[in-house]
Amino acid sequence: MHTIFLSFILFAGAAISSALPKPSQLRARGQAAVYTSCTKANAVALTFDDGVYQWHKNVSDLLDSYGAKGTFFVNGKNWACIYDEPYTTYLIESYEAGHQIASHTWSHPHLRVMPAFQRPPYGEYSTDVQDIAGGMDQSLVTWDFDSGDSDGDSASQSNSLYDGIVKQHPPNLLTLNHETYESTVTQVLPHALEVLTQAGYDLVTVAECLEMDPYLSIDSPGTRDDSWKC
C-alpha cells in the first residue's frame, strides 16, 4: 500500500513550537496571506476541521456521491494519531478522489505532501503565525460561513443556517464544518449538499475556489517504518 501524507506547521496562537524550522531556515517571503472567502464565482468550498476522525470516510463518500469536492483541514494528533489505521487509508482515498488535504496544525519531519494551506485553530492568528507560515510559503485560510457545529448548534440549527445563506445566494462561500460531529456528517452535510446543489453552486476545494495550487510539493510515496508514530 502506498502512502501519501502531509507536512504540518505546529503552532497555536502565538505559541511557536521548537519543532518548527528555525528562523534562519525560513524563506524571506513576508507574512502569509489570509483568505477568508473564495474568489471564484459560483463556488462553494465545504471544509472540515479536526480530523482525521472515524466519520472521515462517510464525509468523503457522501461528497463523492454528489460529485462534490471537499477540503479536510486535519491534525497530526488530535482524536487519534494520523499514522494509525484506518486513518492513513482514509486520507489516501480522499486524496486520490480529488479532495484537498490541508493542515490544521501538527508537524512531522517524515511526511510526503506539503500543503499550501493552513487553518489556524479557532481561526486565530498573530503576526508571528503569519511570518512562520509565510516563510514556508503557506497561506492561512479561515471562513465566511460557520455551520455552528463546534459552538453546540443542533443539526436543525445548522441546517437553518445553510438555508438562510442559500436564500441570500452570495457569489461564493467558504464554509466551516467539523468531521468530528456525527450530526454534521449524517444530517447537516446531506442537507447542505442538497440545498447548495439545487442552488446551482459548484462544490469545489479551497484551492479551486481560490484558483490556486493545493500543494507546495508532492514527493514520492513514503514507506511505513518505526518513525510513523505520534
Protein backbone atom coordinates (compact mmCIF):
# COMPACT_ATOMS: atom_id res chain seq x y z
CA MET A 1 0.00 0.00 0.00
CA HIS A 2 1.43 3.32 -0.97
CA THR A 3 1.10 6.24 1.41
CA ILE A 4 0.65 9.97 0.96
CA PHE A 5 0.69 12.31 3.93
CA LEU A 6 1.01 15.93 4.96
CA SER A 7 3.67 18.17 6.40
CA PHE A 8 2.31 20.44 9.11
CA ILE A 9 3.18 23.63 10.93
CA LEU A 10 2.86 23.22 14.70
CA PHE A 11 1.62 26.31 16.46
CA ALA A 12 -1.38 27.61 18.34
CA GLY A 13 -1.90 31.35 18.51
CA ALA A 14 1.45 32.97 19.14
CA ALA A 15 2.95 29.93 20.85
CA ILE A 16 5.59 28.61 18.47
CA SER A 17 6.86 25.06 18.89
CA SER A 18 10.54 24.19 18.83
CA ALA A 19 9.60 21.59 16.22
CA LEU A 20 9.22 24.38 13.70
CA PRO A 21 12.04 25.36 11.36
CA LYS A 22 14.43 27.89 12.82
CA PRO A 23 14.08 31.46 11.53
CA SER A 24 17.29 31.02 9.52
CA GLN A 25 15.67 28.09 7.72
CA LEU A 26 12.60 30.03 6.66
CA ARG A 27 12.48 31.84 3.37
CA ALA A 28 12.25 35.61 3.49
CA ARG A 29 8.84 35.79 1.83
CA GLY A 30 6.95 38.03 4.22
CA GLN A 31 3.74 37.29 6.03
CA ALA A 32 1.32 34.64 4.83
CA ALA A 33 -1.78 35.82 3.03
CA VAL A 34 -5.03 35.22 4.90
CA TYR A 35 -8.03 34.08 2.88
CA THR A 36 -11.48 34.40 4.44
CA SER A 37 -13.58 33.85 1.32
CA CYS A 38 -13.48 32.35 -2.13
CA THR A 39 -12.65 34.35 -5.23
CA LYS A 40 -14.13 32.09 -7.90
CA ALA A 41 -17.69 32.93 -8.87
CA ASN A 42 -20.45 30.46 -8.00
CA ALA A 43 -18.05 28.30 -5.99
CA VAL A 44 -18.65 26.84 -2.55
CA ALA A 45 -15.78 25.26 -0.64
CA LEU A 46 -17.03 22.85 2.01
CA THR A 47 -14.29 22.42 4.60
CA PHE A 48 -14.00 20.02 7.52
CA ASP A 49 -11.76 20.54 10.55
CA ASP A 50 -10.26 18.46 13.37
CA GLY A 51 -9.90 15.05 11.71
CA VAL A 52 -8.83 12.57 10.82
CA TYR A 53 -11.81 11.02 12.62
CA GLN A 54 -13.97 7.90 12.45
CA TRP A 55 -16.51 9.51 10.12
CA HIS A 56 -13.96 10.80 7.62
CA LYS A 57 -14.80 8.15 5.03
CA ASN A 58 -18.51 8.87 5.40
CA VAL A 59 -17.89 12.52 4.57
CA SER A 60 -15.64 11.70 1.63
CA ASP A 61 -18.07 9.14 0.21
CA LEU A 62 -21.04 11.48 0.58
CA LEU A 63 -19.19 14.26 -1.23
CA ASP A 64 -18.32 11.79 -3.99
CA SER A 65 -21.96 10.80 -4.37
CA TYR A 66 -22.81 14.43 -5.22
CA GLY A 67 -19.80 14.90 -7.47
CA ALA A 68 -18.57 17.43 -4.92
CA LYS A 69 -15.06 18.09 -3.67
CA GLY A 70 -14.21 18.97 -0.09
CA THR A 71 -11.22 20.18 1.86
CA PHE A 72 -10.07 18.44 5.04
CA PHE A 73 -8.01 20.51 7.48
CA VAL A 74 -6.53 17.66 9.50
CA ASN A 75 -4.43 17.38 12.64
CA GLY A 76 -1.44 15.14 13.11
CA LYS A 77 -2.69 14.06 16.50
CA ASN A 78 -5.98 15.26 17.85
CA TRP A 79 -8.50 12.49 18.38
CA ALA A 80 -6.05 9.90 17.16
CA CYS A 81 -2.65 9.61 15.51
CA ILE A 82 -2.59 10.35 11.79
CA TYR A 83 -0.29 7.34 11.28
CA ASP A 84 -2.79 4.84 12.68
CA GLU A 85 -5.09 2.76 10.55
CA PRO A 86 -7.69 3.23 9.24
CA TYR A 87 -6.86 6.97 9.22
CA THR A 88 -3.93 6.67 6.83
CA THR A 89 -6.12 4.77 4.38
CA TYR A 90 -8.92 7.33 4.74
CA LEU A 91 -6.58 10.16 3.82
CA ILE A 92 -5.11 8.30 0.87
CA GLU A 93 -8.57 7.55 -0.50
CA SER A 94 -9.72 11.15 -0.07
CA TYR A 95 -6.60 12.50 -1.73
CA GLU A 96 -6.95 10.11 -4.66
CA ALA A 97 -10.63 11.02 -5.03
CA GLY A 98 -9.59 14.62 -5.63
CA HIS A 99 -10.42 16.07 -2.25
CA GLN A 100 -7.93 18.54 -0.79
CA ILE A 101 -5.90 17.75 2.32
CA ALA A 102 -4.68 20.76 4.26
CA SER A 103 -3.13 21.47 7.64
CA HIS A 104 -4.89 22.23 10.90
CA THR A 105 -1.52 22.13 12.74
CA TRP A 106 0.94 19.47 13.93
CA SER A 107 4.35 18.87 12.34
CA HIS A 108 6.31 15.76 11.50
CA PRO A 109 9.57 15.51 9.51
CA HIS A 110 8.86 12.28 7.64
CA LEU A 111 5.71 13.16 5.70
CA ARG A 112 5.49 13.46 1.95
CA VAL A 113 2.98 16.12 0.85
CA MET A 114 3.42 19.78 1.71
CA PRO A 115 0.04 21.53 1.74
CA ALA A 116 -0.19 25.10 0.53
CA PHE A 117 -2.93 25.98 3.01
CA GLN A 118 -3.04 26.09 6.80
CA ARG A 119 -6.05 26.78 9.01
CA PRO A 120 -5.08 28.15 12.41
CA PRO A 121 -7.06 26.67 15.32
CA TYR A 122 -10.11 28.75 16.26
CA GLY A 123 -9.33 30.95 13.26
CA GLU A 124 -6.88 32.85 15.45
CA TYR A 125 -3.53 34.05 14.17
CA SER A 126 -0.89 36.61 15.04
CA THR A 127 1.85 38.29 13.06
CA ASP A 128 4.21 35.56 14.31
CA VAL A 129 1.93 32.92 12.85
CA GLN A 130 1.76 34.79 9.55
CA ASP A 131 5.54 35.18 9.50
CA ILE A 132 6.18 31.48 10.00
CA ALA A 133 3.52 30.34 7.56
CA GLY A 134 4.77 32.87 5.03
CA GLY A 135 8.31 31.61 5.47
CA MET A 136 7.09 28.18 4.48
CA ASP A 137 5.13 29.57 1.51
CA GLN A 138 1.82 28.63 3.08
CA SER A 139 -1.38 30.67 3.11
CA LEU A 140 -3.81 30.87 6.02
CA VAL A 141 -7.46 30.05 5.45
CA THR A 142 -10.41 30.90 7.68
CA TRP A 143 -14.06 31.03 6.51
CA ASP A 144 -17.01 33.30 5.79
CA PHE A 145 -19.75 30.85 6.80
CA ASP A 146 -19.80 28.82 10.03
CA SER A 147 -22.23 25.90 10.33
CA GLY A 148 -22.11 26.37 14.11
CA ASP A 149 -21.49 22.71 14.89
CA SER A 150 -18.48 23.38 17.10
CA ASP A 151 -20.47 26.01 19.03
CA GLY A 152 -23.07 23.44 20.02
CA ASP A 153 -25.70 24.22 17.39
CA SER A 154 -28.08 21.35 16.72
CA ALA A 155 -28.32 19.79 13.27
CA SER A 156 -31.60 21.62 12.65
CA GLN A 157 -29.99 24.93 13.62
CA SER A 158 -27.05 24.30 11.29
CA ASN A 159 -29.43 23.33 8.50
CA SER A 160 -31.35 26.57 9.05
CA LEU A 161 -28.10 28.49 8.74
CA TYR A 162 -27.42 26.78 5.41
CA ASP A 163 -30.98 27.51 4.27
CA GLY A 164 -30.56 31.16 5.19
CA ILE A 165 -27.28 31.65 3.40
CA VAL A 166 -28.53 29.87 0.28
CA LYS A 167 -31.55 32.19 0.18
CA GLN A 168 -29.15 35.14 0.22
CA HIS A 169 -27.27 33.44 -2.65
CA PRO A 170 -23.84 35.06 -2.19
CA PRO A 171 -21.47 34.79 -5.17
CA ASN A 172 -19.38 32.20 -3.32
CA LEU A 173 -18.88 30.62 0.09
CA LEU A 174 -16.04 29.25 2.18
CA THR A 175 -17.63 27.13 4.88
CA LEU A 176 -16.58 25.76 8.25
CA ASN A 177 -17.74 22.31 9.37
CA HIS A 178 -16.23 19.59 11.55
CA GLU A 179 -15.95 15.92 10.62
CA THR A 180 -15.87 15.04 14.33
CA TYR A 181 -19.61 15.55 14.93
CA GLU A 182 -21.86 12.69 13.86
CA SER A 183 -24.81 15.02 13.34
CA THR A 184 -22.74 17.12 10.93
CA VAL A 185 -21.88 14.02 8.91
CA THR A 186 -25.28 12.33 8.95
CA GLN A 187 -27.70 15.29 8.98
CA VAL A 188 -26.08 18.62 8.17
CA LEU A 189 -23.80 17.65 5.29
CA PRO A 190 -26.53 15.80 3.33
CA HIS A 191 -28.81 18.83 3.72
CA ALA A 192 -26.07 21.27 2.77
CA LEU A 193 -25.15 19.28 -0.31
CA GLU A 194 -28.78 19.16 -1.38
CA VAL A 195 -29.58 22.86 -0.99
CA LEU A 196 -26.26 24.05 -2.40
CA THR A 197 -26.58 21.77 -5.40
CA GLN A 198 -30.17 22.88 -6.02
CA ALA A 199 -28.97 26.49 -5.87
CA GLY A 200 -26.56 25.75 -8.71
CA TYR A 201 -23.29 26.15 -6.85
CA ASP A 202 -20.11 24.36 -7.90
CA LEU A 203 -18.83 22.44 -4.87
CA VAL A 204 -15.07 22.62 -5.02
CA THR A 205 -11.93 22.53 -2.90
CA VAL A 206 -10.47 25.59 -1.23
CA ALA A 207 -7.65 25.63 -3.76
CA GLU A 208 -10.13 25.58 -6.62
CA CYS A 209 -12.30 28.29 -5.12
CA LEU A 210 -9.21 30.48 -4.72
CA GLU A 211 -7.83 29.39 -8.11
CA MET A 212 -4.53 28.36 -6.54
CA ASP A 213 -2.43 25.21 -6.28
CA PRO A 214 -3.43 22.92 -3.38
CA TYR A 215 0.09 21.68 -2.57
CA LEU A 216 3.54 23.20 -2.47
CA SER A 217 5.07 19.86 -3.38
CA ILE A 218 4.18 16.21 -3.82
CA ASP A 219 7.03 13.78 -3.26
CA SER A 220 7.38 10.04 -3.74
CA PRO A 221 5.11 7.87 -1.58
CA GLY A 222 6.51 7.13 1.85
CA THR A 223 7.07 3.69 3.29
CA ARG A 224 5.82 2.83 6.75
CA ASP A 225 8.61 2.44 9.27
CA ASP A 226 9.24 2.90 13.00
CA SER A 227 9.05 6.70 12.66
CA TRP A 228 5.36 6.51 11.80
CA LYS A 229 4.11 7.22 15.28
CA CYS A 230 2.83 10.15 17.30
